[in-house]
Amino acid sequence: MALHHDGSMTTTAEVHRHRWSVESAHRVSEGLLVYQRCECGRRRITSTPAWPIACPELATIDA
């Protein structure tokens, strides 16, 4: 018995491009937590550090 398939190797989840909208954002000691939701119902949490990762004063080069 042959297996049938459409030749596609991607799933619908791989084709879907999420459009994240912010549900809420909260300042915490580590930075900012952002709760996001896509139209498909999937949710995610992102975080941003309270302070920049790179320190501009350390990158200054004296000429």
PDB file of N, CA and C in Angstrom:
ATOM      1  N   MET A   1       0.851  -1.167   0.000  1.00  0.00           N
ATOM      2  CA  MET A   1       0.000   0.000   0.000  1.00  0.00           C
ATOM      3  C   MET A   1       0.903   1.238   0.000  1.00  0.00           C
ATOM      4  N   ALA A   2       0.655   2.135  -0.913  1.00  0.00           N
ATOM      5  CA  ALA A   2       1.464   3.353  -1.039  1.00  0.00           C
ATOM      6  C   ALA A   2       0.997   4.414  -0.043  1.00  0.00           C
ATOM      7  N   LEU A   3       1.949   5.170   0.439  1.00  0.00           N
ATOM      8  CA  LEU A   3       1.618   6.310   1.299  1.00  0.00           C
ATOM      9  C   LEU A   3       1.424   7.532   0.420  1.00  0.00           C
ATOM     10  N   HIS A   4       0.407   8.295   0.712  1.00  0.00           N
ATOM     11  CA  HIS A   4       0.127   9.488  -0.087  1.00  0.00           C
ATOM     12  C   HIS A   4       0.509  10.727   0.704  1.00  0.00           C
ATOM     13  N   HIS A   5       1.113  11.630  -0.010  1.00  0.00           N
ATOM     14  CA  HIS A   5       1.382  12.916   0.611  1.00  0.00           C
ATOM     15  C   HIS A   5       1.589  13.946  -0.477  1.00  0.00           C
ATOM     16  N   ASP A   6       1.372  15.198  -0.169  1.00  0.00           N
ATOM     17  CA  ASP A   6       1.365  16.254  -1.177  1.00  0.00           C
ATOM     18  C   ASP A   6       2.759  16.710  -1.609  1.00  0.00           C
ATOM     19  N   GLY A   7       3.811  16.104  -1.084  1.00  0.00           N
ATOM     20  CA  GLY A   7       5.162  16.487  -1.462  1.00  0.00           C
ATOM     21  C   GLY A   7       5.738  17.611  -0.632  1.00  0.00           C
ATOM     22  N   SER A   8       4.908  18.249   0.140  1.00  0.00           N
ATOM     23  CA  SER A   8       5.359  19.356   0.980  1.00  0.00           C
ATOM     24  C   SER A   8       6.016  18.816   2.239  1.00  0.00           C
ATOM     25  N   MET A   9       7.125  19.404   2.623  1.00  0.00           N
ATOM     26  CA  MET A   9       7.820  18.975   3.835  1.00  0.00           C
ATOM     27  C   MET A   9       7.606  19.953   4.989  1.00  0.00           C
ATOM     28  N   THR A  10       6.780  20.956   4.795  1.00  0.00           N
ATOM     29  CA  THR A  10       6.516  21.927   5.861  1.00  0.00           C
ATOM     30  C   THR A  10       5.146  21.685   6.460  1.00  0.00           C
ATOM     31  N   THR A  11       5.005  22.050   7.702  1.00  0.00           N
ATOM     32  CA  THR A  11       3.711  21.951   8.370  1.00  0.00           C
ATOM     33  C   THR A  11       3.055  23.319   8.355  1.00  0.00           C
ATOM     34  N   THR A  12       1.774  23.377   8.683  1.00  0.00           N
ATOM     35  CA  THR A  12       1.087  24.667   8.726  1.00  0.00           C
ATOM     36  C   THR A  12       1.693  25.566   9.792  1.00  0.00           C
ATOM     37  N   ALA A  13       2.220  24.989  10.862  1.00  0.00           N
ATOM     38  CA  ALA A  13       2.844  25.792  11.919  1.00  0.00           C
ATOM     39  C   ALA A  13       4.102  26.483  11.408  1.00  0.00           C
ATOM     40  N   GLU A  14       4.838  25.831  10.494  1.00  0.00           N
ATOM     41  CA  GLU A  14       6.056  26.422   9.958  1.00  0.00           C
ATOM     42  C   GLU A  14       5.754  27.532   8.958  1.00  0.00           C
ATOM     43  N   VAL A  15       4.630  27.459   8.296  1.00  0.00           N
ATOM     44  CA  VAL A  15       4.259  28.448   7.296  1.00  0.00           C
ATOM     45  C   VAL A  15       3.701  29.707   7.952  1.00  0.00           C
ATOM     46  N   HIS A  16       3.045  29.566   9.077  1.00  0.00           N
ATOM     47  CA  HIS A  16       2.408  30.689   9.761  1.00  0.00           C
ATOM     48  C   HIS A  16       3.440  31.671  10.299  1.00  0.00           C
ATOM     49  N   ARG A  17       3.289  32.953   9.958  1.00  0.00           N
ATOM     50  CA  ARG A  17       4.145  33.998  10.518  1.00  0.00           C
ATOM     51  C   ARG A  17       3.353  34.692  11.604  1.00  0.00           C
ATOM     52  N   HIS A  18       3.859  34.620  12.815  1.00  0.00           N
ATOM     53  CA  HIS A  18       3.142  35.193  13.944  1.00  0.00           C
ATOM     54  C   HIS A  18       3.125  36.713  13.878  1.00  0.00           C
ATOM     55  N   ARG A  19       2.001  37.286  14.257  1.00  0.00           N
ATOM     56  CA  ARG A  19       1.842  38.740  14.395  1.00  0.00           C
ATOM     57  C   ARG A  19       1.601  38.997  15.868  1.00  0.00           C
ATOM     58  N   TRP A  20       2.661  39.342  16.575  1.00  0.00           N
ATOM     59  CA  TRP A  20       2.582  39.495  18.024  1.00  0.00           C
ATOM     60  C   TRP A  20       2.029  40.856  18.395  1.00  0.00           C
ATOM     61  N   SER A  21       1.056  40.852  19.302  1.00  0.00           N
ATOM     62  CA  SER A  21       0.538  42.094  19.881  1.00  0.00           C
ATOM     63  C   SER A  21       0.738  42.006  21.391  1.00  0.00           C
ATOM     64  N   VAL A  22       0.960  43.148  21.998  1.00  0.00           N
ATOM     65  CA  VAL A  22       1.245  43.192  23.431  1.00  0.00           C
ATOM     66  C   VAL A  22      -0.050  43.094  24.220  1.00  0.00           C
ATOM     67  N   GLU A  23      -0.125  42.124  25.119  1.00  0.00           N
ATOM     68  CA  GLU A  23      -1.261  42.016  26.039  1.00  0.00           C
ATOM     69  C   GLU A  23      -0.999  42.851  27.282  1.00  0.00           C
ATOM     70  N   SER A  24       0.234  42.779  27.797  1.00  0.00           N
ATOM     71  CA  SER A  24       0.614  43.585  28.957  1.00  0.00           C
ATOM     72  C   SER A  24       2.128  43.625  29.066  1.00  0.00           C
ATOM     73  N   ALA A  25       2.619  44.634  29.790  1.00  0.00           N
ATOM     74  CA  ALA A  25       4.054  44.787  30.027  1.00  0.00           C
ATOM     75  C   ALA A  25       4.239  45.205  31.476  1.00  0.00           C
ATOM     76  N   HIS A  26       5.279  44.667  32.097  1.00  0.00           N
ATOM     77  CA  HIS A  26       5.501  44.917  33.522  1.00  0.00           C
ATOM     78  C   HIS A  26       6.978  45.145  33.800  1.00  0.00           C
ATOM     79  N   ARG A  27       7.280  46.221  34.535  1.00  0.00           N
ATOM     80  CA  ARG A  27       8.652  46.461  34.978  1.00  0.00           C
ATOM     81  C   ARG A  27       8.937  45.552  36.164  1.00  0.00           C
ATOM     82  N   VAL A  28      10.060  44.871  36.102  1.00  0.00           N
ATOM     83  CA  VAL A  28      10.521  44.007  37.187  1.00  0.00           C
ATOM     84  C   VAL A  28      11.982  44.361  37.455  1.00  0.00           C
ATOM     85  N   SER A  29      12.530  43.825  38.535  1.00  0.00           N
ATOM     86  CA  SER A  29      13.904  44.177  38.899  1.00  0.00           C
ATOM     87  C   SER A  29      14.910  43.818  37.804  1.00  0.00           C
ATOM     88  N   GLU A  30      14.622  42.813  37.000  1.00  0.00           N
ATOM     89  CA  GLU A  30      15.530  42.398  35.932  1.00  0.00           C
ATOM     90  C   GLU A  30      15.332  43.172  34.636  1.00  0.00           C
ATOM     91  N   GLY A  31      14.299  44.016  34.554  1.00  0.00           N
ATOM     92  CA  GLY A  31      14.044  44.770  33.327  1.00  0.00           C
ATOM     93  C   GLY A  31      12.561  44.890  33.044  1.00  0.00           C
ATOM     94  N   LEU A  32      12.163  44.525  31.834  1.00  0.00           N
ATOM     95  CA  LEU A  32      10.774  44.639  31.401  1.00  0.00           C
ATOM     96  C   LEU A  32      10.306  43.289  30.866  1.00  0.00           C
ATOM     97  N   LEU A  33       9.183  42.796  31.390  1.00  0.00           N
ATOM     98  CA  LEU A  33       8.556  41.576  30.874  1.00  0.00           C
ATOM     99  C   LEU A  33       7.371  41.985  30.010  1.00  0.00           C
ATOM    100  N   VAL A  34       7.283  41.405  28.822  1.00  0.00           N
ATOM    101  CA  VAL A  34       6.196  41.730  27.906  1.00  0.00           C
ATOM    102  C   VAL A  34       5.468  40.440  27.541  1.00  0.00           C
ATOM    103  N   TYR A  35       4.177  40.417  27.791  1.00  0.00           N
ATOM    104  CA  TYR A  35       3.328  39.276  27.447  1.00  0.00           C
ATOM    105  C   TYR A  35       2.687  39.585  26.102  1.00  0.00           C
ATOM    106  N   GLN A  36       2.889  38.676  25.125  1.00  0.00           N
ATOM    107  CA  GLN A  36       2.401  38.902  23.775  1.00  0.00           C
ATOM    108  C   GLN A  36       1.507  37.749  23.332  1.00  0.00           C
ATOM    109  N   ARG A  37       0.624  38.056  22.370  1.00  0.00           N
ATOM    110  CA  ARG A  37      -0.310  37.051  21.851  1.00  0.00           C
ATOM    111  C   ARG A  37      -0.414  37.205  20.343  1.00  0.00           C
ATOM    112  N   CYS A  38      -0.479  36.069  19.649  1.00  0.00           N
ATOM    113  CA  CYS A  38      -0.669  36.065  18.201  1.00  0.00           C
ATOM    114  C   CYS A  38      -2.153  35.830  17.903  1.00  0.00           C
ATOM    115  N   GLU A  39      -2.569  36.189  16.695  1.00  0.00           N
ATOM    116  CA  GLU A  39      -3.961  35.960  16.277  1.00  0.00           C
ATOM    117  C   GLU A  39      -4.326  34.475  16.308  1.00  0.00           C
ATOM    118  N   CYS A  40      -3.332  33.596  16.147  1.00  0.00           N
ATOM    119  CA  CYS A  40      -3.600  32.151  16.128  1.00  0.00           C
ATOM    120  C   CYS A  40      -3.840  31.597  17.535  1.00  0.00           C
ATOM    121  N   GLY A  41      -3.623  32.434  18.569  1.00  0.00           N
ATOM    122  CA  GLY A  41      -3.851  31.997  19.940  1.00  0.00           C
ATOM    123  C   GLY A  41      -2.585  31.679  20.711  1.00  0.00           C
ATOM    124  N   ARG A  42      -1.468  31.611  20.018  1.00  0.00           N
ATOM    125  CA  ARG A  42      -0.199  31.315  20.695  1.00  0.00           C
ATOM    126  C   ARG A  42       0.255  32.534  21.490  1.00  0.00           C
ATOM    127  N   ARG A  43       0.877  32.273  22.630  1.00  0.00           N
ATOM    128  CA  ARG A  43       1.370  33.349  23.491  1.00  0.00           C
ATOM    129  C   ARG A  43       2.859  33.173  23.725  1.00  0.00           C
ATOM    130  N   ARG A  44       3.526  34.295  24.045  1.00  0.00           N
ATOM    131  CA  ARG A  44       4.931  34.241  24.428  1.00  0.00           C
ATOM    132  C   ARG A  44       5.231  35.365  25.405  1.00  0.00           C
ATOM    133  N   ILE A  45       6.341  35.196  26.107  1.00  0.00           N
ATOM    134  CA  ILE A  45       6.811  36.208  27.046  1.00  0.00           C
ATOM    135  C   ILE A  45       8.215  36.595  26.608  1.00  0.00           C
ATOM    136  N   THR A  46       8.440  37.892  26.456  1.00  0.00           N
ATOM    137  CA  THR A  46       9.776  38.371  26.123  1.00  0.00           C
ATOM    138  C   THR A  46      10.273  39.239  27.262  1.00  0.00           C
ATOM    139  N   SER A  47      11.574  39.357  27.354  1.00  0.00           N
ATOM    140  CA  SER A  47      12.144  40.204  28.398  1.00  0.00           C
ATOM    141  C   SER A  47      13.222  41.095  27.813  1.00  0.00           C
ATOM    142  N   THR A  48      13.351  42.261  28.400  1.00  0.00           N
ATOM    143  CA  THR A  48      14.369  43.226  28.025  1.00  0.00           C
ATOM    144  C   THR A  48      15.128  43.585  29.282  1.00  0.00           C
ATOM    145  N   PRO A  49      16.461  43.548  29.244  1.00  0.00           N
ATOM    146  CA  PRO A  49      17.223  43.890  30.447  1.00  0.00           C
ATOM    147  C   PRO A  49      16.999  45.333  30.869  1.00  0.00           C
ATOM    148  N   ALA A  50      17.121  45.573  32.160  1.00  0.00           N
ATOM    149  CA  ALA A  50      16.929  46.927  32.693  1.00  0.00           C
ATOM    150  C   ALA A  50      18.024  47.875  32.225  1.00  0.00           C
ATOM    151  N   TRP A  51      19.216  47.339  31.998  1.00  0.00           N
ATOM    152  CA  TRP A  51      20.348  48.159  31.574  1.00  0.00           C
ATOM    153  C   TRP A  51      20.872  47.632  30.259  1.00  0.00           C
ATOM    154  N   PRO A  52      21.424  48.524  29.445  1.00  0.00           N
ATOM    155  CA  PRO A  52      21.985  48.066  28.161  1.00  0.00           C
ATOM    156  C   PRO A  52      23.070  47.013  28.384  1.00  0.00           C
ATOM    157  N   ILE A  53      23.145  46.084  27.478  1.00  0.00           N
ATOM    158  CA  ILE A  53      24.163  45.036  27.560  1.00  0.00           C
ATOM    159  C   ILE A  53      25.552  45.632  27.343  1.00  0.00           C
ATOM    160  N   ALA A  54      25.678  46.435  26.311  1.00  0.00           N
ATOM    161  CA  ALA A  54      26.961  47.069  26.015  1.00  0.00           C
ATOM    162  C   ALA A  54      27.077  48.366  26.807  1.00  0.00           C
ATOM    163  N   CYS A  55      28.236  48.621  27.315  1.00  0.00           N
ATOM    164  CA  CYS A  55      28.490  49.852  28.075  1.00  0.00           C
ATOM    165  C   CYS A  55      29.196  50.845  27.160  1.00  0.00           C
ATOM    166  N   PRO A  56      28.499  51.881  26.686  1.00  0.00           N
ATOM    167  CA  PRO A  56      29.112  52.825  25.743  1.00  0.00           C
ATOM    168  C   PRO A  56      30.390  53.461  26.284  1.00  0.00           C
ATOM    169  N   GLU A  57      30.447  53.724  27.591  1.00  0.00           N
ATOM    170  CA  GLU A  57      31.642  54.370  28.142  1.00  0.00           C
ATOM    171  C   GLU A  57      32.874  53.473  28.042  1.00  0.00           C
ATOM    172  N   LEU A  58      32.686  52.171  27.997  1.00  0.00           N
ATOM    173  CA  LEU A  58      33.817  51.255  27.851  1.00  0.00           C
ATOM    174  C   LEU A  58      34.273  51.145  26.403  1.00  0.00           C
ATOM    175  N   ALA A  59      33.403  51.494  25.480  1.00  0.00           N
ATOM    176  CA  ALA A  59      33.729  51.387  24.063  1.00  0.00           C
ATOM    177  C   ALA A  59      34.365  52.658  23.517  1.00  0.00           C
ATOM    178  N   THR A  60      34.500  53.693  24.337  1.00  0.00           N
ATOM    179  CA  THR A  60      35.078  54.959  23.884  1.00  0.00           C
ATOM    180  C   THR A  60      36.565  54.789  23.597  1.00  0.00           C
ATOM    181  N   ILE A  61      36.982  55.286  22.444  1.00  0.00           N
ATOM    182  CA  ILE A  61      38.398  55.227  22.066  1.00  0.00           C
ATOM    183  C   ILE A  61      38.952  56.642  22.096  1.00  0.00           C
ATOM    184  N   ASP A  62      40.022  56.855  22.865  1.00  0.00           N
ATOM    185  CA  ASP A  62      40.660  58.172  22.915  1.00  0.00           C
ATOM    186  C   ASP A  62      41.481  58.375  21.650  1.00  0.00           C
ATOM    187  N   ALA A  63      41.259  59.513  21.002  1.00  0.00           N
ATOM    188  CA  ALA A  63      41.996  59.800  19.761  1.00  0.00           C
ATOM    189  C   ALA A  63      43.230  60.626  20.032  1.00  0.00           C
TER     190      ALA A  63
END
